[in-house]
């Protein structure tokens, strides 16, 4: 199987057994390849040209493991909707770290490969719909220039999984710069063995942030880096109207990549309180709450690192608290700059904040589509909306146009800036559902079409208006975990 160019280096496997369980995927009956991400394969220096679909299916179902892999289920914990639980990979197996020709390391993980020691009451399997959803949305996020795990393949298992009803089983191959999470630190911290925690801290720095290896306070530097990374990530989510839906601490990576596309969705009509997840009854993970939850998760990360900030515990807690409290200022500054970019504003102006908030307030009150409002301002709206003839909007637009002319700026420069920050197409929820339903009936054309369109979200692609509007149905859209 080395004709594919797998090149595994299993450093996580070499950590002590506290961090993982050695386990092979449970073989499946009749695997069939559904999707293969050739572009991603190329960037990983993998070559699938010399093997047929049957061999591909065997590989990506876990029936035939690559030479050099060491499959494990990783241990981690998590605050799930605020409640602490010891968890772990209950339906995922890490094959190891594939090293590309440019010496970059990528975790290769199968999702839906059967029971592990961490499965609790789960069957360790995954259904086709949620695995295809993760493939589509993670690839869309990558095309939107947002740090994310990616999807290499989806295989049908030829077996049924029982959820509310019997569904087709599937396995997703996920690629990440690593699967180390805030929850990984929580799991090891809960064991109260400082040497293991130090091992994880050193491993994380070696793997992701070698620049701080010689620092006097590595733990504090790591916390500061993570605050920056997570601020940047969530500001990016807010930029495109993405709602993660399940921001538990086990779904926050130390690499700063978006992970776990369970009940996620994109906002259509602008409403800060938008929630799609069927299990988020209180709106804990609503669009507007994502920054506050990010800070909360980072505080849980800081708690794990307290022993390394300072020997004196009181001083260490003070350092942790003060560091975490830098979050709001950093986030607001990054968010303001992001909104300036969306509006094509160069330089700073005292009135920028009120200009931005006035637009968002108007959008909320008039129930306007978030993405298409910015398309309208760029003169790229798929079709004109009468709401933009509203007098209040016209007054706002005049103020915006006056602001554009400041800082020796030209309108063309502003529009270019806007075009690189405002997608003209996002994964519209009803189009995703249509594609998933078709795939259940073995029709892959809608999925292939949507993947092709979402590959270039900032380009004016011509005849794609069908993909640029929310559903005409007034029914509230809900997403589900898939577990």
Protein backbone atom coordinates (compact mmCIF):
# COMPACT_ATOMS: atom_id res chain seq x y z
CA UNK A 1 0.00 0.00 0.00
CA UNK A 2 3.05 2.27 0.00
CA UNK A 3 2.39 3.03 -3.66
CA UNK A 4 -0.03 5.60 -2.17
CA UNK A 5 2.93 7.37 -0.43
CA UNK A 6 1.70 7.08 3.15
CA UNK A 7 4.46 8.29 5.45
CA UNK A 8 3.47 7.76 9.09
CA UNK A 9 5.25 9.09 12.17
CA UNK A 10 3.26 8.15 15.26
CA UNK A 11 4.48 10.51 17.98
CA UNK A 12 1.14 10.60 19.83
CA UNK A 13 1.09 6.80 19.94
CA UNK A 14 4.48 6.96 21.69
CA UNK A 15 3.03 8.90 24.64
CA UNK A 16 2.04 6.86 27.70
CA UNK A 17 -1.16 4.79 27.75
CA UNK A 18 -2.87 7.47 29.86
CA UNK A 19 -3.35 9.43 26.62
CA UNK A 20 -4.91 6.74 24.45
CA UNK A 21 -6.12 3.20 23.81
CA UNK A 22 -4.53 1.02 21.11
CA UNK A 23 -7.35 -0.32 18.96
CA UNK A 24 -8.05 -1.31 15.36
CA UNK A 25 -11.18 -0.31 13.43
CA UNK A 26 -14.01 -2.86 13.48
CA UNK A 27 -14.15 -4.33 9.95
CA UNK A 28 -17.25 -3.49 7.87
CA UNK A 29 -19.25 -5.70 5.54
CA UNK A 30 -19.39 -4.04 2.14
CA UNK A 31 -17.50 -0.72 1.92
CA UNK A 32 -18.03 1.56 -1.08
CA UNK A 33 -16.21 4.85 -1.70
CA UNK A 34 -18.61 7.81 -1.96
CA UNK A 35 -16.28 10.84 -2.04
CA UNK A 36 -12.53 11.25 -2.38
CA UNK A 37 -10.89 14.65 -2.01
CA UNK A 38 -8.26 14.62 -4.77
CA UNK A 39 -7.14 18.21 -4.13
CA UNK A 40 -6.44 17.48 -0.48
CA UNK A 41 -4.76 14.17 -1.39
CA UNK A 42 -2.43 16.09 -3.70
CA UNK A 43 -1.44 18.57 -0.98
CA UNK A 44 -0.70 15.58 1.31
CA UNK A 45 1.44 14.02 -1.48
CA UNK A 46 -0.85 10.99 -1.56
CA UNK A 47 -1.32 9.26 -4.89
CA UNK A 48 -4.46 7.18 -5.43
CA UNK A 49 -4.08 6.89 -9.20
CA UNK A 50 -2.67 3.35 -9.10
CA UNK A 51 -5.50 1.77 -7.10
CA UNK A 52 -9.11 0.99 -7.93
CA UNK A 53 -12.34 1.87 -6.10
CA UNK A 54 -12.47 -1.47 -4.28
CA UNK A 55 -9.00 -0.90 -2.80
CA UNK A 56 -9.92 2.70 -1.92
CA UNK A 57 -13.04 1.45 -0.16
CA UNK A 58 -11.04 -1.10 1.84
CA UNK A 59 -8.50 1.56 2.89
CA UNK A 60 -10.97 4.29 3.89
CA UNK A 61 -13.26 1.90 5.76
CA UNK A 62 -10.39 0.71 7.94
CA UNK A 63 -10.65 -2.85 6.60
CA UNK A 64 -7.10 -2.55 5.26
CA UNK A 65 -4.75 -0.43 7.39
CA UNK A 66 -1.81 1.45 5.82
CA UNK A 67 1.72 0.24 6.47
CA UNK A 68 3.30 2.24 9.28
CA UNK A 69 0.04 3.28 10.94
CA UNK A 70 -0.61 2.65 14.67
CA UNK A 71 -4.31 3.07 15.30
CA UNK A 72 -5.46 4.52 18.63
CA UNK A 73 -8.47 6.12 20.26
CA UNK A 74 -7.47 9.35 22.03
CA UNK A 75 -8.48 10.15 25.59
CA UNK A 76 -9.95 13.58 26.41
CA UNK A 77 -12.55 15.21 28.61
CA UNK A 78 -14.95 18.07 28.01
CA UNK A 79 -17.38 20.55 29.42
CA UNK A 80 -20.47 19.57 27.44
CA UNK A 81 -23.04 22.36 27.74
CA UNK A 82 -21.15 23.43 30.88
CA UNK A 83 -21.01 19.98 32.55
CA UNK A 84 -17.65 18.24 32.96
CA UNK A 85 -17.39 14.68 31.59
CA UNK A 86 -14.50 12.29 30.99
CA UNK A 87 -14.77 11.38 27.31
CA UNK A 88 -12.46 10.18 24.52
CA UNK A 89 -12.81 8.98 20.94
CA UNK A 90 -16.01 6.97 21.20
CA UNK A 91 -16.32 6.40 17.47
CA UNK A 92 -13.05 7.63 16.00
CA UNK A 93 -9.62 6.12 15.49
CA UNK A 94 -6.40 8.01 14.80
CA UNK A 95 -4.21 6.11 12.31
CA UNK A 96 -1.19 8.26 13.04
CA UNK A 97 0.52 11.37 11.71
CA UNK A 98 1.19 11.43 7.98
CA UNK A 99 4.24 13.55 7.10
CA UNK A 100 4.09 15.35 3.74
CA UNK A 101 7.10 16.03 1.50
CA UNK A 102 7.29 19.57 2.96
CA UNK A 103 7.71 17.91 6.41
CA UNK A 104 4.27 19.00 7.65
CA UNK A 105 2.46 16.65 9.99
CA UNK A 106 -1.21 15.75 9.55
CA UNK A 107 -3.36 13.55 11.77
CA UNK A 108 -5.31 11.00 9.72
CA UNK A 109 -8.43 9.97 11.60
CA UNK A 110 -11.34 7.68 10.78
CA UNK A 111 -14.73 8.65 12.20
CA UNK A 112 -17.40 5.95 12.57
CA UNK A 113 -15.10 2.91 12.88
CA UNK A 114 -16.76 1.08 15.79
CA UNK A 115 -16.60 0.85 19.56
CA UNK A 116 -13.63 1.92 21.67
CA UNK A 117 -12.98 2.00 25.41
CA UNK A 118 -14.52 5.51 25.37
CA UNK A 119 -17.80 4.64 23.58
CA UNK A 120 -19.88 4.48 26.77
CA UNK A 121 -23.33 3.40 25.50
CA UNK A 122 -22.64 4.36 21.86
CA UNK A 123 -22.29 1.95 18.94
CA UNK A 124 -19.14 3.68 17.66
CA UNK A 125 -20.68 4.02 14.22
CA UNK A 126 -21.67 7.01 12.09
CA UNK A 127 -24.49 7.61 9.60
CA UNK A 128 -23.97 8.70 6.00
CA UNK A 129 -25.78 12.08 6.27
CA UNK A 130 -23.68 13.58 9.12
CA UNK A 131 -20.41 12.35 7.57
CA UNK A 132 -21.28 13.93 4.20
CA UNK A 133 -22.34 17.14 6.02
CA UNK A 134 -18.92 17.32 7.72
CA UNK A 135 -17.20 16.73 4.36
CA UNK A 136 -19.15 19.55 2.64
CA UNK A 137 -18.93 22.12 5.44
CA UNK A 138 -15.30 21.52 6.41
CA UNK A 139 -14.27 21.89 2.76
CA UNK A 140 -16.45 25.02 2.44
CA UNK A 141 -14.72 26.48 5.52
CA UNK A 142 -11.32 25.76 3.99
CA UNK A 143 -12.36 27.59 0.81
CA UNK A 144 -13.58 30.52 2.95
CA UNK A 145 -9.98 30.78 4.33
CA UNK A 146 -11.02 29.74 7.83
CA UNK A 147 -8.69 27.37 9.77
CA UNK A 148 -10.34 23.96 9.81
CA UNK A 149 -9.92 20.23 9.93
CA UNK A 150 -10.56 18.80 6.47
CA UNK A 151 -12.17 15.74 4.90
CA UNK A 152 -10.28 13.30 2.71
CA UNK A 153 -12.91 10.64 2.02
CA UNK A 154 -16.34 9.24 2.83
CA UNK A 155 -17.08 5.52 2.51
CA UNK A 156 -20.42 3.73 2.93
CA UNK A 157 -20.04 0.67 5.14
CA UNK A 158 -22.84 -1.47 3.64
CA UNK A 159 -24.28 -1.73 7.17
CA UNK A 160 -27.16 0.05 8.89
CA UNK A 161 -26.83 2.16 12.04
CA UNK A 162 -29.79 2.60 14.36
CA UNK A 163 -30.70 6.16 15.32
CA UNK A 164 -34.34 7.38 15.42
CA UNK A 165 -34.57 5.05 12.41
CA UNK A 166 -32.18 2.75 10.56
CA UNK A 167 -29.70 4.76 8.47
CA UNK A 168 -26.89 3.89 6.07
CA UNK A 169 -23.56 3.61 7.89
CA UNK A 170 -20.50 5.58 6.78
CA UNK A 171 -16.92 6.41 7.74
CA UNK A 172 -15.30 9.84 7.26
CA UNK A 173 -11.54 10.34 6.98
CA UNK A 174 -10.66 13.56 8.78
CA UNK A 175 -7.35 15.40 8.38
CA UNK A 176 -6.12 17.81 11.07
CA UNK A 177 -2.87 19.43 12.10
CA UNK A 178 -3.62 17.53 15.34
CA UNK A 179 -6.57 16.41 17.46
CA UNK A 180 -5.20 17.89 20.72
CA UNK A 181 -8.07 19.74 22.38
CA UNK A 182 -8.67 21.88 25.46
CA UNK A 183 -10.43 18.70 26.64
CA UNK A 184 -7.21 16.69 26.22
CA UNK A 185 -5.58 18.97 28.81
CA UNK A 186 -8.66 18.69 31.03
CA UNK A 187 -8.53 14.88 30.91
CA UNK A 188 -4.86 14.76 31.93
CA UNK A 189 -5.29 17.54 34.55
CA UNK A 190 -8.19 15.60 36.13
CA UNK A 191 -5.82 12.65 36.68
CA UNK A 192 -3.79 14.97 38.97
CA UNK A 193 -0.43 13.71 37.73
CA UNK A 194 1.69 16.76 37.05
CA UNK A 195 4.34 14.80 35.15
CA UNK A 196 1.71 13.68 32.59
CA UNK A 197 0.46 17.24 32.25
CA UNK A 198 4.04 18.44 31.66
CA UNK A 199 4.43 15.73 29.00
CA UNK A 200 1.32 17.01 27.20
CA UNK A 201 2.44 20.64 27.49
CA UNK A 202 5.88 19.80 26.03
CA UNK A 203 4.36 17.65 23.30
CA UNK A 204 1.91 20.39 22.26
CA UNK A 205 4.65 23.02 22.11
CA UNK A 206 6.94 20.70 20.10
CA UNK A 207 4.13 19.85 17.71
CA UNK A 208 2.53 23.27 17.18
CA UNK A 209 4.53 26.12 18.70
CA UNK A 210 8.26 25.28 18.73
CA UNK A 211 9.04 29.04 18.71
CA UNK A 212 8.22 29.21 22.45
CA UNK A 213 10.34 26.17 23.38
CA UNK A 214 13.06 28.29 24.99
CA UNK A 215 10.69 30.72 26.70
CA UNK A 216 10.91 31.38 30.46
CA UNK A 217 7.20 30.65 30.87
CA UNK A 218 6.06 28.26 28.16
CA UNK A 219 2.63 27.64 29.70
CA UNK A 220 1.78 31.35 29.82
CA UNK A 221 3.04 31.87 26.26
CA UNK A 222 0.90 28.94 25.11
CA UNK A 223 -2.18 30.42 26.79
CA UNK A 224 -1.56 33.80 25.12
CA UNK A 225 -1.11 32.14 21.72
CA UNK A 226 -4.34 30.22 22.17
CA UNK A 227 -6.24 33.39 23.11
CA UNK A 228 -5.01 35.00 19.87
CA UNK A 229 -5.73 31.91 17.74
CA UNK A 230 -9.23 31.37 19.12
CA UNK A 231 -10.06 35.08 18.82
CA UNK A 232 -9.02 34.97 15.17
CA UNK A 233 -11.00 31.79 14.56
CA UNK A 234 -14.27 32.99 16.09
CA UNK A 235 -13.99 36.40 14.42
CA UNK A 236 -13.76 34.45 11.15
CA UNK A 237 -16.88 32.45 12.06
CA UNK A 238 -18.74 35.69 12.81
CA UNK A 239 -17.53 37.15 9.50
CA UNK A 240 -19.34 34.52 7.43
CA UNK A 241 -22.29 33.87 9.77
CA UNK A 242 -21.12 30.40 10.84
CA UNK A 243 -22.67 28.88 13.96
CA UNK A 244 -20.70 25.94 15.35
CA UNK A 245 -23.56 24.67 17.48
CA UNK A 246 -21.61 22.59 19.98
CA UNK A 247 -18.69 24.60 21.39
CA UNK A 248 -17.84 22.17 24.18
CA UNK A 249 -14.25 22.22 25.43
CA UNK A 250 -13.58 18.91 23.67
CA UNK A 251 -14.38 20.72 20.40
CA UNK A 252 -11.74 23.44 20.81
CA UNK A 253 -8.36 22.55 19.31
CA UNK A 254 -5.02 23.90 20.51
CA UNK A 255 -4.04 24.36 16.85
CA UNK A 256 -6.82 26.94 16.35
CA UNK A 257 -8.67 24.85 13.72
CA UNK A 258 -12.44 24.45 13.55
CA UNK A 259 -13.31 20.88 14.54
CA UNK A 260 -16.48 18.80 14.70
CA UNK A 261 -19.20 19.75 12.25
CA UNK A 262 -22.14 18.18 14.09
CA UNK A 263 -25.12 20.54 14.42
CA UNK A 264 -23.38 23.46 12.67
CA UNK A 265 -25.06 25.73 10.10
CA UNK A 266 -24.78 29.14 8.44
CA UNK A 267 -27.03 32.04 9.36
CA UNK A 268 -29.41 33.29 6.65
CA UNK A 269 -31.51 36.14 8.11
CA UNK A 270 -29.38 38.26 10.45
CA UNK A 271 -30.36 37.52 14.03
CA UNK A 272 -27.64 37.41 16.71
CA UNK A 273 -29.66 34.87 18.74
CA UNK A 274 -29.77 32.32 15.91
CA UNK A 275 -29.49 28.71 17.09
CA UNK A 276 -29.87 25.66 14.85
CA UNK A 277 -28.90 22.78 17.13
CA UNK A 278 -31.82 20.68 18.35
CA UNK A 279 -29.99 19.98 21.63
CA UNK A 280 -29.18 23.64 22.44
CA UNK A 281 -32.41 24.43 24.29
CA UNK A 282 -31.07 27.52 26.10
CA UNK A 283 -29.15 29.13 23.22
CA UNK A 284 -25.82 28.64 25.01
CA UNK A 285 -24.08 28.30 21.64
CA UNK A 286 -26.09 30.90 19.69
CA UNK A 287 -24.29 33.06 17.11
CA UNK A 288 -23.93 36.03 19.50
CA UNK A 289 -22.68 33.84 22.37
CA UNK A 290 -19.74 32.33 20.48
CA UNK A 291 -17.16 34.91 21.69
CA UNK A 292 -18.21 34.60 25.36
CA UNK A 293 -18.13 30.79 25.18
CA UNK A 294 -14.68 30.97 23.59
CA UNK A 295 -13.45 32.97 26.58
CA UNK A 296 -15.14 30.49 28.96
CA UNK A 297 -13.43 27.54 27.24
CA UNK A 298 -10.07 29.33 27.36
CA UNK A 299 -10.54 29.86 31.10
CA UNK A 300 -10.95 26.07 31.48
CA UNK A 301 -7.68 25.65 29.53
CA UNK A 302 -5.93 28.17 31.81
CA UNK A 303 -7.08 26.20 34.88
CA UNK A 304 -5.21 23.15 33.59
CA UNK A 305 -1.98 25.14 33.22
CA UNK A 306 -2.05 26.89 36.64
CA UNK A 307 0.70 24.63 38.14
CA UNK A 308 3.13 25.88 35.45
CA UNK A 309 2.47 29.64 35.61
CA UNK A 310 4.09 30.17 39.02
CA UNK A 311 4.97 27.95 42.01
CA UNK A 312 2.85 30.04 44.37
CA UNK A 313 -0.74 28.98 43.61
CA UNK A 314 -2.31 32.33 44.52
CA UNK A 315 0.06 34.17 42.20
CA UNK A 316 -0.50 31.55 39.48
CA UNK A 317 -4.31 31.99 39.66
CA UNK A 318 -3.88 35.78 39.53
CA UNK A 319 -1.72 35.43 36.38
CA UNK A 320 -4.29 33.09 34.77
CA UNK A 321 -7.19 35.44 35.56
CA UNK A 322 -5.44 38.56 34.30
CA UNK A 323 -4.39 36.77 31.09
CA UNK A 324 -7.88 35.44 30.37
CA UNK A 325 -9.31 38.91 30.99
CA UNK A 326 -7.32 40.26 28.03
CA UNK A 327 -9.74 38.34 25.79
CA UNK A 328 -12.51 40.97 25.46
CA UNK A 329 -10.23 43.77 24.34
CA UNK A 330 -8.40 41.54 21.85
CA UNK A 331 -11.64 40.13 20.50
CA UNK A 332 -13.33 43.51 20.11
CA UNK A 333 -10.34 44.95 18.27
CA UNK A 334 -10.18 41.97 15.89
CA UNK A 335 -13.96 42.01 15.38
CA UNK A 336 -13.95 45.74 14.59
CA UNK A 337 -11.15 45.27 12.05
CA UNK A 338 -13.03 42.35 10.49
CA UNK A 339 -16.21 44.45 10.15
CA UNK A 340 -14.18 47.33 8.67
CA UNK A 341 -12.85 44.87 6.07
CA UNK A 342 -16.38 43.64 5.31
CA UNK A 343 -17.42 47.25 4.73
CA UNK A 344 -14.28 48.19 2.78
CA UNK A 345 -13.13 50.75 5.36
CA UNK A 346 -9.45 51.69 5.50
CA UNK A 347 -7.87 53.36 8.53
CA UNK A 348 -9.73 54.16 11.75
CA UNK A 349 -12.54 56.59 12.46
CA UNK A 350 -14.25 57.37 15.78
CA UNK A 351 -17.65 56.79 14.19
CA UNK A 352 -16.84 53.34 12.75
CA UNK A 353 -18.40 51.45 15.65
CA UNK A 354 -21.73 53.24 15.42
CA UNK A 355 -21.69 52.88 11.61
CA UNK A 356 -21.21 49.10 11.95
CA UNK A 357 -23.76 48.67 14.75
CA UNK A 358 -26.35 50.79 12.94
CA UNK A 359 -26.15 48.48 9.92
CA UNK A 360 -26.41 45.31 12.04
CA UNK A 361 -29.36 46.75 13.99
CA UNK A 362 -31.16 47.63 10.74
CA UNK A 363 -30.46 44.14 9.34
CA UNK A 364 -31.86 42.55 12.50
CA UNK A 365 -34.99 44.71 12.61
CA UNK A 366 -35.77 44.24 8.91
CA UNK A 367 -34.87 40.52 8.91
CA UNK A 368 -32.38 40.89 6.06
CA UNK A 369 -30.12 38.13 4.73
CA UNK A 370 -26.65 38.53 6.29
CA UNK A 371 -24.51 37.39 3.33
CA UNK A 372 -26.59 39.12 0.64
CA UNK A 373 -26.52 42.49 2.43
CA UNK A 374 -22.77 42.69 1.87
CA UNK A 375 -23.23 41.39 -1.69
CA UNK A 376 -25.64 44.30 -2.26
CA UNK A 377 -23.03 46.79 -1.02
CA UNK A 378 -20.47 45.25 -3.41
CA UNK A 379 -23.06 45.45 -6.23
CA UNK A 380 -22.93 41.64 -6.49
CA UNK A 381 -26.38 40.84 -5.13
CA UNK A 382 -27.91 37.82 -6.89
CA UNK A 383 -31.07 39.89 -7.34
CA UNK A 384 -32.20 43.18 -5.90
CA UNK A 385 -34.22 43.23 -2.71
CA UNK A 386 -36.82 45.94 -2.06
CA UNK A 387 -35.66 46.13 1.54
CA UNK A 388 -32.61 48.05 0.31
CA UNK A 389 -34.95 50.84 -0.87
CA UNK A 390 -35.87 51.44 2.77
CA UNK A 391 -35.28 55.08 3.78
CA UNK A 392 -33.37 54.19 6.95
CA UNK A 393 -30.97 52.05 4.90
CA UNK A 394 -30.47 54.82 2.33
CA UNK A 395 -29.49 57.27 5.12
CA UNK A 396 -27.03 54.69 6.50
CA UNK A 397 -25.62 54.00 3.02
CA UNK A 398 -24.92 57.71 2.47
CA UNK A 399 -22.90 57.82 5.73
CA UNK A 400 -21.03 54.67 4.66
CA UNK A 401 -20.18 56.15 1.23
CA UNK A 402 -18.85 59.32 2.90
CA UNK A 403 -16.69 57.18 5.22
CA UNK A 404 -15.31 55.21 2.24
CA UNK A 405 -13.79 58.36 0.78
CA UNK A 406 -11.65 59.07 3.87
CA UNK A 407 -7.99 58.05 4.25
CA UNK A 408 -7.19 58.87 0.59
CA UNK A 409 -9.08 55.81 -0.43
CA UNK A 410 -10.62 54.90 -3.78
CA UNK A 411 -13.91 53.08 -4.21
CA UNK A 412 -12.15 50.36 -6.23
CA UNK A 413 -9.74 49.63 -3.37
CA UNK A 414 -12.67 49.34 -0.96
CA UNK A 415 -14.57 46.97 -3.20
CA UNK A 416 -11.47 44.77 -3.60
CA UNK A 417 -11.10 44.60 0.19
CA UNK A 418 -14.79 43.72 0.54
CA UNK A 419 -14.59 41.03 -2.13
CA UNK A 420 -11.87 39.17 -0.26
CA UNK A 421 -13.87 39.20 3.00
CA UNK A 422 -17.49 38.75 1.91
CA UNK A 423 -18.46 35.45 0.27
CA UNK A 424 -21.05 35.63 -2.51
CA UNK A 425 -22.11 32.07 -1.70
CA UNK A 426 -22.19 30.09 1.56
CA UNK A 427 -23.45 26.57 2.33
CA UNK A 428 -27.20 27.34 2.37
CA UNK A 429 -28.87 24.99 4.81
CA UNK A 430 -31.71 23.80 2.56
CA UNK A 431 -29.30 23.10 -0.34
CA UNK A 432 -27.14 20.98 1.98
CA UNK A 433 -30.24 19.02 3.04
CA UNK A 434 -31.30 18.50 -0.59
CA UNK A 435 -27.84 17.17 -1.46
CA UNK A 436 -27.79 14.83 1.58
CA UNK A 437 -31.24 13.46 0.77
CA UNK A 438 -30.20 12.78 -2.84
CA UNK A 439 -27.03 11.01 -1.62
CA UNK A 440 -29.18 8.70 0.55
CA UNK A 441 -30.79 7.61 -2.76
CA UNK A 442 -27.34 7.08 -4.36
CA UNK A 443 -27.57 10.32 -6.39
CA UNK A 444 -24.26 12.16 -5.87
CA UNK A 445 -24.82 14.85 -8.50
CA UNK A 446 -26.22 17.49 -6.05
CA UNK A 447 -23.31 16.92 -3.63
CA UNK A 448 -20.71 17.20 -6.37
CA UNK A 449 -22.40 20.36 -7.67
CA UNK A 450 -22.51 22.04 -4.25
CA UNK A 451 -18.87 21.12 -3.58
CA UNK A 452 -17.86 22.65 -6.91
CA UNK A 453 -19.73 25.92 -6.17
CA UNK A 454 -18.41 26.20 -2.60
CA UNK A 455 -14.82 25.75 -3.79
CA UNK A 456 -14.76 29.41 -4.93
CA UNK A 457 -17.02 31.26 -2.48
CA UNK A 458 -15.60 34.74 -3.20
CA UNK A 459 -15.95 34.51 -6.99
CA UNK A 460 -18.89 35.80 -8.98
CA UNK A 461 -19.70 32.48 -10.64
CA UNK A 462 -22.63 33.51 -12.81
CA UNK A 463 -25.66 31.23 -12.81
CA UNK A 464 -25.72 30.07 -9.19
CA UNK A 465 -28.61 32.18 -7.81
CA UNK A 466 -30.36 28.99 -6.66
CA UNK A 467 -27.50 28.56 -4.14
CA UNK A 468 -27.51 32.18 -2.92
CA UNK A 469 -30.83 32.45 -1.11
CA UNK A 470 -32.32 30.91 2.01
CA UNK A 471 -35.18 28.44 1.78
CA UNK A 472 -38.60 29.88 0.92
CA UNK A 473 -40.12 27.65 3.60
CA UNK A 474 -40.95 29.38 6.89
CA UNK A 475 -40.24 26.19 8.80
CA UNK A 476 -37.54 26.62 11.49
CA UNK A 477 -34.37 24.85 10.38
CA UNK A 478 -32.86 22.43 12.89
CA UNK A 479 -29.63 20.46 12.89
CA UNK A 480 -28.81 17.31 14.81
CA UNK A 481 -25.64 15.80 16.29
CA UNK A 482 -25.58 12.59 14.29
CA UNK A 483 -24.61 10.52 17.34
